[in-house]
Amino acid sequence: MLSEEQVRAAIAEAVDRAGAASIGADTDFEDAGLDSLDHAQILIRIEERYGLHVADADMAECRSIAAILAYARRPAGDGGEGTAPGGGVAARRA
């Protein structure tokens, strides 16, 4: 299961900006000064490192650390098309 530490590591790797590592779990990435490219790079890094695929239609709901974790933990068949090893939405295509 994807952890907050893993999401934070992906943010640190994807975004070379002061303060990116100290983003609050519930802080919207845009409110933290990140743009849409940063957002996409974070989700790509999470997919590359941890196998969680966020469907294009679901990207808008994954705009904070907490939202990404909630997305990863959604039960299969709950409307999302994301995938990752280890269960939840992830298990659908794994």
PDB file of N, CA and C in Angstrom:
ATOM      1  N   MET A   1       0.845  -1.173   0.000  1.00  0.00           N
ATOM      2  CA  MET A   1       0.000   0.000   0.000  1.00  0.00           C
ATOM      3  C   MET A   1       0.893   1.240   0.000  1.00  0.00           C
ATOM      4  N   LEU A   2       0.536   2.194  -0.773  1.00  0.00           N
ATOM      5  CA  LEU A   2       1.278   3.443  -0.893  1.00  0.00           C
ATOM      6  C   LEU A   2       1.230   4.196   0.433  1.00  0.00           C
ATOM      7  N   SER A   3       2.376   4.733   0.871  1.00  0.00           N
ATOM      8  CA  SER A   3       2.441   5.462   2.138  1.00  0.00           C
ATOM      9  C   SER A   3       2.661   6.955   1.906  1.00  0.00           C
ATOM     10  N   GLU A   4       2.401   7.732   2.941  1.00  0.00           N
ATOM     11  CA  GLU A   4       2.636   9.176   2.863  1.00  0.00           C
ATOM     12  C   GLU A   4       4.106   9.462   2.599  1.00  0.00           C
ATOM     13  N   GLU A   5       4.985   8.695   3.202  1.00  0.00           N
ATOM     14  CA  GLU A   5       6.418   8.884   2.989  1.00  0.00           C
ATOM     15  C   GLU A   5       6.802   8.649   1.531  1.00  0.00           C
ATOM     16  N   GLN A   6       6.187   7.666   0.905  1.00  0.00           N
ATOM     17  CA  GLN A   6       6.460   7.397  -0.506  1.00  0.00           C
ATOM     18  C   GLN A   6       5.975   8.536  -1.391  1.00  0.00           C
ATOM     19  N   VAL A   7       4.800   9.081  -1.084  1.00  0.00           N
ATOM     20  CA  VAL A   7       4.290  10.210  -1.865  1.00  0.00           C
ATOM     21  C   VAL A   7       5.211  11.412  -1.686  1.00  0.00           C
ATOM     22  N   ARG A   8       5.638  11.657  -0.449  1.00  0.00           N
ATOM     23  CA  ARG A   8       6.557  12.772  -0.194  1.00  0.00           C
ATOM     24  C   ARG A   8       7.891  12.584  -0.928  1.00  0.00           C
ATOM     25  N   ALA A   9       8.370  11.360  -0.978  1.00  0.00           N
ATOM     26  CA  ALA A   9       9.614  11.080  -1.710  1.00  0.00           C
ATOM     27  C   ALA A   9       9.433  11.366  -3.195  1.00  0.00           C
ATOM     28  N   ALA A  10       8.285  10.987  -3.739  1.00  0.00           N
ATOM     29  CA  ALA A  10       8.004  11.247  -5.155  1.00  0.00           C
ATOM     30  C   ALA A  10       7.939  12.750  -5.419  1.00  0.00           C
ATOM     31  N   ILE A  11       7.353  13.492  -4.500  1.00  0.00           N
ATOM     32  CA  ILE A  11       7.287  14.950  -4.648  1.00  0.00           C
ATOM     33  C   ILE A  11       8.689  15.533  -4.644  1.00  0.00           C
ATOM     34  N   ALA A  12       9.509  15.095  -3.709  1.00  0.00           N
ATOM     35  CA  ALA A  12      10.878  15.611  -3.614  1.00  0.00           C
ATOM     36  C   ALA A  12      11.682  15.312  -4.874  1.00  0.00           C
ATOM     37  N   GLU A  13      11.468  14.140  -5.461  1.00  0.00           N
ATOM     38  CA  GLU A  13      12.185  13.760  -6.681  1.00  0.00           C
ATOM     39  C   GLU A  13      11.660  14.509  -7.906  1.00  0.00           C
ATOM     40  N   ALA A  14      10.350  14.740  -7.940  1.00  0.00           N
ATOM     41  CA  ALA A  14       9.732  15.322  -9.128  1.00  0.00           C
ATOM     42  C   ALA A  14       9.784  16.841  -9.156  1.00  0.00           C
ATOM     43  N   VAL A  15       9.827  17.461  -7.981  1.00  0.00           N
ATOM     44  CA  VAL A  15       9.720  18.923  -7.899  1.00  0.00           C
ATOM     45  C   VAL A  15      10.965  19.482  -7.230  1.00  0.00           C
ATOM     46  N   ASP A  16      11.733  20.208  -7.986  1.00  0.00           N
ATOM     47  CA  ASP A  16      12.954  20.818  -7.462  1.00  0.00           C
ATOM     48  C   ASP A  16      12.641  22.254  -7.046  1.00  0.00           C
ATOM     49  N   ARG A  17      11.964  22.374  -5.895  1.00  0.00           N
ATOM     50  CA  ARG A  17      11.533  23.674  -5.429  1.00  0.00           C
ATOM     51  C   ARG A  17      11.615  23.721  -3.911  1.00  0.00           C
ATOM     52  N   ALA A  18      12.112  24.800  -3.370  1.00  0.00           N
ATOM     53  CA  ALA A  18      12.177  24.957  -1.919  1.00  0.00           C
ATOM     54  C   ALA A  18      10.785  24.832  -1.329  1.00  0.00           C
ATOM     55  N   GLY A  19      10.665  24.114  -0.248  1.00  0.00           N
ATOM     56  CA  GLY A  19       9.387  23.968   0.429  1.00  0.00           C
ATOM     57  C   GLY A  19       8.525  22.826  -0.059  1.00  0.00           C
ATOM     58  N   ALA A  20       8.883  22.208  -1.162  1.00  0.00           N
ATOM     59  CA  ALA A  20       8.059  21.121  -1.694  1.00  0.00           C
ATOM     60  C   ALA A  20       7.972  19.959  -0.704  1.00  0.00           C
ATOM     61  N   ALA A  21       9.043  19.714   0.029  1.00  0.00           N
ATOM     62  CA  ALA A  21       9.059  18.603   0.973  1.00  0.00           C
ATOM     63  C   ALA A  21       8.190  18.866   2.203  1.00  0.00           C
ATOM     64  N   SER A  22       7.855  20.120   2.454  1.00  0.00           N
ATOM     65  CA  SER A  22       7.082  20.441   3.653  1.00  0.00           C
ATOM     66  C   SER A  22       5.610  20.723   3.357  1.00  0.00           C
ATOM     67  N   ILE A  23       5.114  20.285   2.226  1.00  0.00           N
ATOM     68  CA  ILE A  23       3.701  20.472   1.876  1.00  0.00           C
ATOM     69  C   ILE A  23       2.854  19.675   2.861  1.00  0.00           C
ATOM     70  N   GLY A  24       1.819  20.316   3.396  1.00  0.00           N
ATOM     71  CA  GLY A  24       0.899  19.621   4.294  1.00  0.00           C
ATOM     72  C   GLY A  24       0.149  18.527   3.558  1.00  0.00           C
ATOM     73  N   ALA A  25      -0.219  17.496   4.271  1.00  0.00           N
ATOM     74  CA  ALA A  25      -0.885  16.349   3.644  1.00  0.00           C
ATOM     75  C   ALA A  25      -2.186  16.737   2.949  1.00  0.00           C
ATOM     76  N   ASP A  26      -2.899  17.718   3.498  1.00  0.00           N
ATOM     77  CA  ASP A  26      -4.177  18.129   2.918  1.00  0.00           C
ATOM     78  C   ASP A  26      -4.074  19.380   2.051  1.00  0.00           C
ATOM     79  N   THR A  27      -2.874  19.887   1.863  1.00  0.00           N
ATOM     80  CA  THR A  27      -2.681  21.106   1.078  1.00  0.00           C
ATOM     81  C   THR A  27      -2.758  20.799  -0.411  1.00  0.00           C
ATOM     82  N   ASP A  28      -3.613  21.519  -1.109  1.00  0.00           N
ATOM     83  CA  ASP A  28      -3.711  21.377  -2.554  1.00  0.00           C
ATOM     84  C   ASP A  28      -2.373  21.789  -3.172  1.00  0.00           C
ATOM     85  N   PHE A  29      -1.916  21.025  -4.136  1.00  0.00           N
ATOM     86  CA  PHE A  29      -0.613  21.313  -4.750  1.00  0.00           C
ATOM     87  C   PHE A  29      -0.556  22.733  -5.304  1.00  0.00           C
ATOM     88  N   GLU A  30      -1.640  23.207  -5.887  1.00  0.00           N
ATOM     89  CA  GLU A  30      -1.657  24.570  -6.426  1.00  0.00           C
ATOM     90  C   GLU A  30      -1.489  25.599  -5.305  1.00  0.00           C
ATOM     91  N   ASP A  31      -2.136  25.365  -4.171  1.00  0.00           N
ATOM     92  CA  ASP A  31      -2.001  26.268  -3.024  1.00  0.00           C
ATOM     93  C   ASP A  31      -0.578  26.258  -2.473  1.00  0.00           C
ATOM     94  N   ALA A  32       0.140  25.176  -2.723  1.00  0.00           N
ATOM     95  CA  ALA A  32       1.525  25.053  -2.277  1.00  0.00           C
ATOM     96  C   ALA A  32       2.507  25.651  -3.287  1.00  0.00           C
ATOM     97  N   GLY A  33       1.974  26.237  -4.365  1.00  0.00           N
ATOM     98  CA  GLY A  33       2.825  26.874  -5.362  1.00  0.00           C
ATOM     99  C   GLY A  33       3.270  25.969  -6.491  1.00  0.00           C
ATOM    100  N   LEU A  34       2.673  24.774  -6.584  1.00  0.00           N
ATOM    101  CA  LEU A  34       3.020  23.859  -7.660  1.00  0.00           C
ATOM    102  C   LEU A  34       2.064  24.075  -8.827  1.00  0.00           C
ATOM    103  N   ASP A  35       2.560  23.884 -10.038  1.00  0.00           N
ATOM    104  CA  ASP A  35       1.709  24.072 -11.214  1.00  0.00           C
ATOM    105  C   ASP A  35       1.282  22.719 -11.781  1.00  0.00           C
ATOM    106  N   SER A  36       0.556  22.760 -12.883  1.00  0.00           N
ATOM    107  CA  SER A  36       0.023  21.530 -13.465  1.00  0.00           C
ATOM    108  C   SER A  36       1.126  20.589 -13.949  1.00  0.00           C
ATOM    109  N   LEU A  37       2.233  21.129 -14.410  1.00  0.00           N
ATOM    110  CA  LEU A  37       3.354  20.279 -14.815  1.00  0.00           C
ATOM    111  C   LEU A  37       3.944  19.571 -13.595  1.00  0.00           C
ATOM    112  N   ASP A  38       4.106  20.291 -12.491  1.00  0.00           N
ATOM    113  CA  ASP A  38       4.591  19.665 -11.256  1.00  0.00           C
ATOM    114  C   ASP A  38       3.646  18.536 -10.838  1.00  0.00           C
ATOM    115  N   HIS A  39       2.350  18.812 -10.896  1.00  0.00           N
ATOM    116  CA  HIS A  39       1.333  17.824 -10.526  1.00  0.00           C
ATOM    117  C   HIS A  39       1.484  16.566 -11.380  1.00  0.00           C
ATOM    118  N   ALA A  40       1.596  16.745 -12.678  1.00  0.00           N
ATOM    119  CA  ALA A  40       1.748  15.604 -13.586  1.00  0.00           C
ATOM    120  C   ALA A  40       3.043  14.845 -13.296  1.00  0.00           C
ATOM    121  N   GLN A  41       4.124  15.563 -13.043  1.00  0.00           N
ATOM    122  CA  GLN A  41       5.402  14.910 -12.763  1.00  0.00           C
ATOM    123  C   GLN A  41       5.344  14.107 -11.466  1.00  0.00           C
ATOM    124  N   ILE A  42       4.631  14.615 -10.480  1.00  0.00           N
ATOM    125  CA  ILE A  42       4.471  13.874  -9.222  1.00  0.00           C
ATOM    126  C   ILE A  42       3.737  12.563  -9.482  1.00  0.00           C
ATOM    127  N   LEU A  43       2.630  12.620 -10.212  1.00  0.00           N
ATOM    128  CA  LEU A  43       1.860  11.407 -10.483  1.00  0.00           C
ATOM    129  C   LEU A  43       2.635  10.424 -11.351  1.00  0.00           C
ATOM    130  N   ILE A  44       3.406  10.931 -12.287  1.00  0.00           N
ATOM    131  CA  ILE A  44       4.250  10.058 -13.121  1.00  0.00           C
ATOM    132  C   ILE A  44       5.300   9.376 -12.261  1.00  0.00           C
ATOM    133  N   ARG A  45       5.919  10.138 -11.367  1.00  0.00           N
ATOM    134  CA  ARG A  45       6.948   9.558 -10.488  1.00  0.00           C
ATOM    135  C   ARG A  45       6.345   8.483  -9.591  1.00  0.00           C
ATOM    136  N   ILE A  46       5.152   8.724  -9.075  1.00  0.00           N
ATOM    137  CA  ILE A  46       4.486   7.720  -8.237  1.00  0.00           C
ATOM    138  C   ILE A  46       4.201   6.461  -9.043  1.00  0.00           C
ATOM    139  N   GLU A  47       3.772   6.633 -10.283  1.00  0.00           N
ATOM    140  CA  GLU A  47       3.522   5.458 -11.124  1.00  0.00           C
ATOM    141  C   GLU A  47       4.815   4.698 -11.393  1.00  0.00           C
ATOM    142  N   GLU A  48       5.882   5.416 -11.737  1.00  0.00           N
ATOM    143  CA  GLU A  48       7.161   4.769 -12.037  1.00  0.00           C
ATOM    144  C   GLU A  48       7.739   4.040 -10.820  1.00  0.00           C
ATOM    145  N   ARG A  49       7.682   4.673  -9.676  1.00  0.00           N
ATOM    146  CA  ARG A  49       8.298   4.116  -8.470  1.00  0.00           C
ATOM    147  C   ARG A  49       7.443   3.073  -7.767  1.00  0.00           C
ATOM    148  N   TYR A  50       6.125   3.322  -7.707  1.00  0.00           N
ATOM    149  CA  TYR A  50       5.271   2.519  -6.834  1.00  0.00           C
ATOM    150  C   TYR A  50       4.132   1.814  -7.551  1.00  0.00           C
ATOM    151  N   GLY A  51       4.002   2.025  -8.856  1.00  0.00           N
ATOM    152  CA  GLY A  51       3.028   1.282  -9.640  1.00  0.00           C
ATOM    153  C   GLY A  51       1.601   1.784  -9.590  1.00  0.00           C
ATOM    154  N   LEU A  52       1.348   2.934  -8.947  1.00  0.00           N
ATOM    155  CA  LEU A  52      -0.014   3.458  -8.909  1.00  0.00           C
ATOM    156  C   LEU A  52      -0.266   4.277 -10.161  1.00  0.00           C
ATOM    157  N   HIS A  53      -1.179   3.804 -10.990  1.00  0.00           N
ATOM    158  CA  HIS A  53      -1.563   4.550 -12.186  1.00  0.00           C
ATOM    159  C   HIS A  53      -2.839   5.310 -11.886  1.00  0.00           C
ATOM    160  N   VAL A  54      -2.790   6.621 -12.056  1.00  0.00           N
ATOM    161  CA  VAL A  54      -3.977   7.457 -11.901  1.00  0.00           C
ATOM    162  C   VAL A  54      -4.524   7.717 -13.302  1.00  0.00           C
ATOM    163  N   ALA A  55      -5.746   7.272 -13.527  1.00  0.00           N
ATOM    164  CA  ALA A  55      -6.387   7.476 -14.823  1.00  0.00           C
ATOM    165  C   ALA A  55      -6.509   8.968 -15.101  1.00  0.00           C
ATOM    166  N   ASP A  56      -6.401   9.338 -16.367  1.00  0.00           N
ATOM    167  CA  ASP A  56      -6.491  10.746 -16.753  1.00  0.00           C
ATOM    168  C   ASP A  56      -7.747  11.408 -16.180  1.00  0.00           C
ATOM    169  N   ALA A  57      -8.843  10.704 -16.198  1.00  0.00           N
ATOM    170  CA  ALA A  57     -10.107  11.254 -15.705  1.00  0.00           C
ATOM    171  C   ALA A  57     -10.088  11.508 -14.201  1.00  0.00           C
ATOM    172  N   ASP A  58      -9.145  10.891 -13.493  1.00  0.00           N
ATOM    173  CA  ASP A  58      -9.078  11.008 -12.038  1.00  0.00           C
ATOM    174  C   ASP A  58      -7.967  11.934 -11.547  1.00  0.00           C
ATOM    175  N   MET A  59      -7.168  12.464 -12.457  1.00  0.00           N
ATOM    176  CA  MET A  59      -6.034  13.294 -12.045  1.00  0.00           C
ATOM    177  C   MET A  59      -6.461  14.497 -11.218  1.00  0.00           C
ATOM    178  N   ALA A  60      -7.583  15.111 -11.551  1.00  0.00           N
ATOM    179  CA  ALA A  60      -8.018  16.322 -10.855  1.00  0.00           C
ATOM    180  C   ALA A  60      -8.320  16.069  -9.383  1.00  0.00           C
ATOM    181  N   GLU A  61      -8.694  14.845  -9.040  1.00  0.00           N
ATOM    182  CA  GLU A  61      -8.989  14.577  -7.639  1.00  0.00           C
ATOM    183  C   GLU A  61      -7.738  14.231  -6.833  1.00  0.00           C
ATOM    184  N   CYS A  62      -6.613  14.047  -7.469  1.00  0.00           N
ATOM    185  CA  CYS A  62      -5.360  13.676  -6.796  1.00  0.00           C
ATOM    186  C   CYS A  62      -4.442  14.883  -6.686  1.00  0.00           C
ATOM    187  N   ARG A  63      -4.922  15.937  -6.032  1.00  0.00           N
ATOM    188  CA  ARG A  63      -4.189  17.205  -5.977  1.00  0.00           C
ATOM    189  C   ARG A  63      -3.580  17.495  -4.615  1.00  0.00           C
ATOM    190  N   SER A  64      -3.486  16.483  -3.763  1.00  0.00           N
ATOM    191  CA  SER A  64      -2.813  16.628  -2.470  1.00  0.00           C
ATOM    192  C   SER A  64      -2.283  15.259  -2.073  1.00  0.00           C
ATOM    193  N   ILE A  65      -1.422  15.242  -1.079  1.00  0.00           N
ATOM    194  CA  ILE A  65      -0.887  13.967  -0.601  1.00  0.00           C
ATOM    195  C   ILE A  65      -2.027  13.094  -0.096  1.00  0.00           C
ATOM    196  N   ALA A  66      -2.896  13.672   0.732  1.00  0.00           N
ATOM    197  CA  ALA A  66      -4.018  12.905   1.286  1.00  0.00           C
ATOM    198  C   ALA A  66      -4.939  12.380   0.189  1.00  0.00           C
ATOM    199  N   ALA A  67      -5.177  13.180  -0.839  1.00  0.00           N
ATOM    200  CA  ALA A  67      -6.061  12.756  -1.930  1.00  0.00           C
ATOM    201  C   ALA A  67      -5.445  11.604  -2.724  1.00  0.00           C
ATOM    202  N   ILE A  68      -4.139  11.650  -2.929  1.00  0.00           N
ATOM    203  CA  ILE A  68      -3.467  10.549  -3.634  1.00  0.00           C
ATOM    204  C   ILE A  68      -3.569   9.269  -2.808  1.00  0.00           C
ATOM    205  N   LEU A  69      -3.352   9.368  -1.520  1.00  0.00           N
ATOM    206  CA  LEU A  69      -3.453   8.192  -0.648  1.00  0.00           C
ATOM    207  C   LEU A  69      -4.878   7.644  -0.622  1.00  0.00           C
ATOM    208  N   ALA A  70      -5.864   8.523  -0.567  1.00  0.00           N
ATOM    209  CA  ALA A  70      -7.261   8.082  -0.590  1.00  0.00           C
ATOM    210  C   ALA A  70      -7.583   7.389  -1.910  1.00  0.00           C
ATOM    211  N   TYR A  71      -7.080   7.928  -3.007  1.00  0.00           N
ATOM    212  CA  TYR A  71      -7.294   7.325  -4.326  1.00  0.00           C
ATOM    213  C   TYR A  71      -6.686   5.926  -4.367  1.00  0.00           C
ATOM    214  N   ALA A  72      -5.485   5.792  -3.841  1.00  0.00           N
ATOM    215  CA  ALA A  72      -4.800   4.497  -3.864  1.00  0.00           C
ATOM    216  C   ALA A  72      -5.525   3.455  -3.019  1.00  0.00           C
ATOM    217  N   ARG A  73      -6.260   3.894  -2.017  1.00  0.00           N
ATOM    218  CA  ARG A  73      -6.924   2.971  -1.090  1.00  0.00           C
ATOM    219  C   ARG A  73      -8.377   2.693  -1.440  1.00  0.00           C
ATOM    220  N   ARG A  74      -8.885   3.346  -2.481  1.00  0.00           N
ATOM    221  CA  ARG A  74     -10.283   3.103  -2.864  1.00  0.00           C
ATOM    222  C   ARG A  74     -10.465   1.649  -3.257  1.00  0.00           C
ATOM    223  N   PRO A  75     -11.587   1.071  -2.862  1.00  0.00           N
ATOM    224  CA  PRO A  75     -11.846  -0.315  -3.273  1.00  0.00           C
ATOM    225  C   PRO A  75     -12.060  -0.409  -4.779  1.00  0.00           C
ATOM    226  N   ALA A  76     -11.690  -1.530  -5.341  1.00  0.00           N
ATOM    227  CA  ALA A  76     -11.913  -1.761  -6.773  1.00  0.00           C
ATOM    228  C   ALA A  76     -13.402  -1.636  -7.058  1.00  0.00           C
ATOM    229  N   GLY A  77     -13.721  -1.057  -8.207  1.00  0.00           N
ATOM    230  CA  GLY A  77     -15.107  -0.889  -8.597  1.00  0.00           C
ATOM    231  C   GLY A  77     -15.744   0.365  -8.038  1.00  0.00           C
ATOM    232  N   ASP A  78     -14.918   1.260  -7.476  1.00  0.00           N
ATOM    233  CA  ASP A  78     -15.446   2.480  -6.871  1.00  0.00           C
ATOM    234  C   ASP A  78     -15.369   3.660  -7.822  1.00  0.00           C
ATOM    235  N   GLY A  79     -15.394   3.399  -9.117  1.00  0.00           N
ATOM    236  CA  GLY A  79     -15.457   4.481 -10.086  1.00  0.00           C
ATOM    237  C   GLY A  79     -14.132   4.892 -10.667  1.00  0.00           C
ATOM    238  N   GLY A  80     -13.040   4.640  -9.989  1.00  0.00           N
ATOM    239  CA  GLY A  80     -11.736   5.034 -10.509  1.00  0.00           C
ATOM    240  C   GLY A  80     -11.146   3.975 -11.397  1.00  0.00           C
ATOM    241  N   GLU A  81     -10.163   4.337 -12.169  1.00  0.00           N
ATOM    242  CA  GLU A  81      -9.515   3.366 -13.026  1.00  0.00           C
ATOM    243  C   GLU A  81      -8.039   3.258 -12.709  1.00  0.00           C
ATOM    244  N   GLY A  82      -7.612   3.780 -11.567  1.00  0.00           N
ATOM    245  CA  GLY A  82      -6.216   3.705 -11.176  1.00  0.00           C
ATOM    246  C   GLY A  82      -5.814   2.277 -10.876  1.00  0.00           C
ATOM    247  N   THR A  83      -4.549   2.019 -10.953  1.00  0.00           N
ATOM    248  CA  THR A  83      -4.064   0.679 -10.682  1.00  0.00           C
ATOM    249  C   THR A  83      -2.774   0.733  -9.905  1.00  0.00           C
ATOM    250  N   ALA A  84      -2.583  -0.232  -9.046  1.00  0.00           N
ATOM    251  CA  ALA A  84      -1.321  -0.376  -8.303  1.00  0.00           C
ATOM    252  C   ALA A  84      -1.286  -1.751  -7.671  1.00  0.00           C
ATOM    253  N   PRO A  85      -0.075  -2.262  -7.464  1.00  0.00           N
ATOM    254  CA  PRO A  85       0.020  -3.554  -6.802  1.00  0.00           C
ATOM    255  C   PRO A  85      -0.399  -3.429  -5.350  1.00  0.00           C
ATOM    256  N   GLY A  86      -0.993  -4.468  -4.784  1.00  0.00           N
ATOM    257  CA  GLY A  86      -1.260  -4.482  -3.363  1.00  0.00           C
ATOM    258  C   GLY A  86      -2.698  -4.219  -2.948  1.00  0.00           C
ATOM    259  N   GLY A  87      -3.609  -4.077  -3.873  1.00  0.00           N
ATOM    260  CA  GLY A  87      -4.996  -3.967  -3.480  1.00  0.00           C
ATOM    261  C   GLY A  87      -5.656  -2.666  -3.859  1.00  0.00           C
ATOM    262  N   GLY A  88      -6.875  -2.518  -3.404  1.00  0.00           N
ATOM    263  CA  GLY A  88      -7.646  -1.322  -3.696  1.00  0.00           C
ATOM    264  C   GLY A  88      -7.856  -1.155  -5.184  1.00  0.00           C
ATOM    265  N   VAL A  89      -7.956   0.077  -5.592  1.00  0.00           N
ATOM    266  CA  VAL A  89      -8.140   0.397  -6.999  1.00  0.00           C
ATOM    267  C   VAL A  89      -7.007  -0.225  -7.795  1.00  0.00           C
ATOM    268  N   ALA A  90      -5.862  -0.305  -7.179  1.00  0.00           N
ATOM    269  CA  ALA A  90      -4.675  -0.817  -7.814  1.00  0.00           C
ATOM    270  C   ALA A  90      -4.826  -2.237  -8.316  1.00  0.00           C
ATOM    271  N   ALA A  91      -5.557  -3.049  -7.595  1.00  0.00           N
ATOM    272  CA  ALA A  91      -5.620  -4.462  -7.925  1.00  0.00           C
ATOM    273  C   ALA A  91      -6.345  -4.731  -9.230  1.00  0.00           C
ATOM    274  N   ARG A  92      -7.111  -3.789  -9.706  1.00  0.00           N
ATOM    275  CA  ARG A  92      -7.901  -4.032 -10.889  1.00  0.00           C
ATOM    276  C   ARG A  92      -7.081  -4.397 -12.115  1.00  0.00           C
ATOM    277  N   ARG A  93      -5.958  -3.749 -12.316  1.00  0.00           N
ATOM    278  CA  ARG A  93      -5.172  -4.039 -13.519  1.00  0.00           C
ATOM    279  C   ARG A  93      -3.824  -4.676 -13.197  1.00  0.00           C
ATOM    280  N   ALA A  94      -3.554  -4.863 -11.939  1.00  0.00           N
ATOM    281  CA  ALA A  94      -2.251  -5.409 -11.541  1.00  0.00           C
ATOM    282  C   ALA A  94      -2.140  -6.863 -11.899  1.00  0.00           C
TER     283      ALA A  94
END
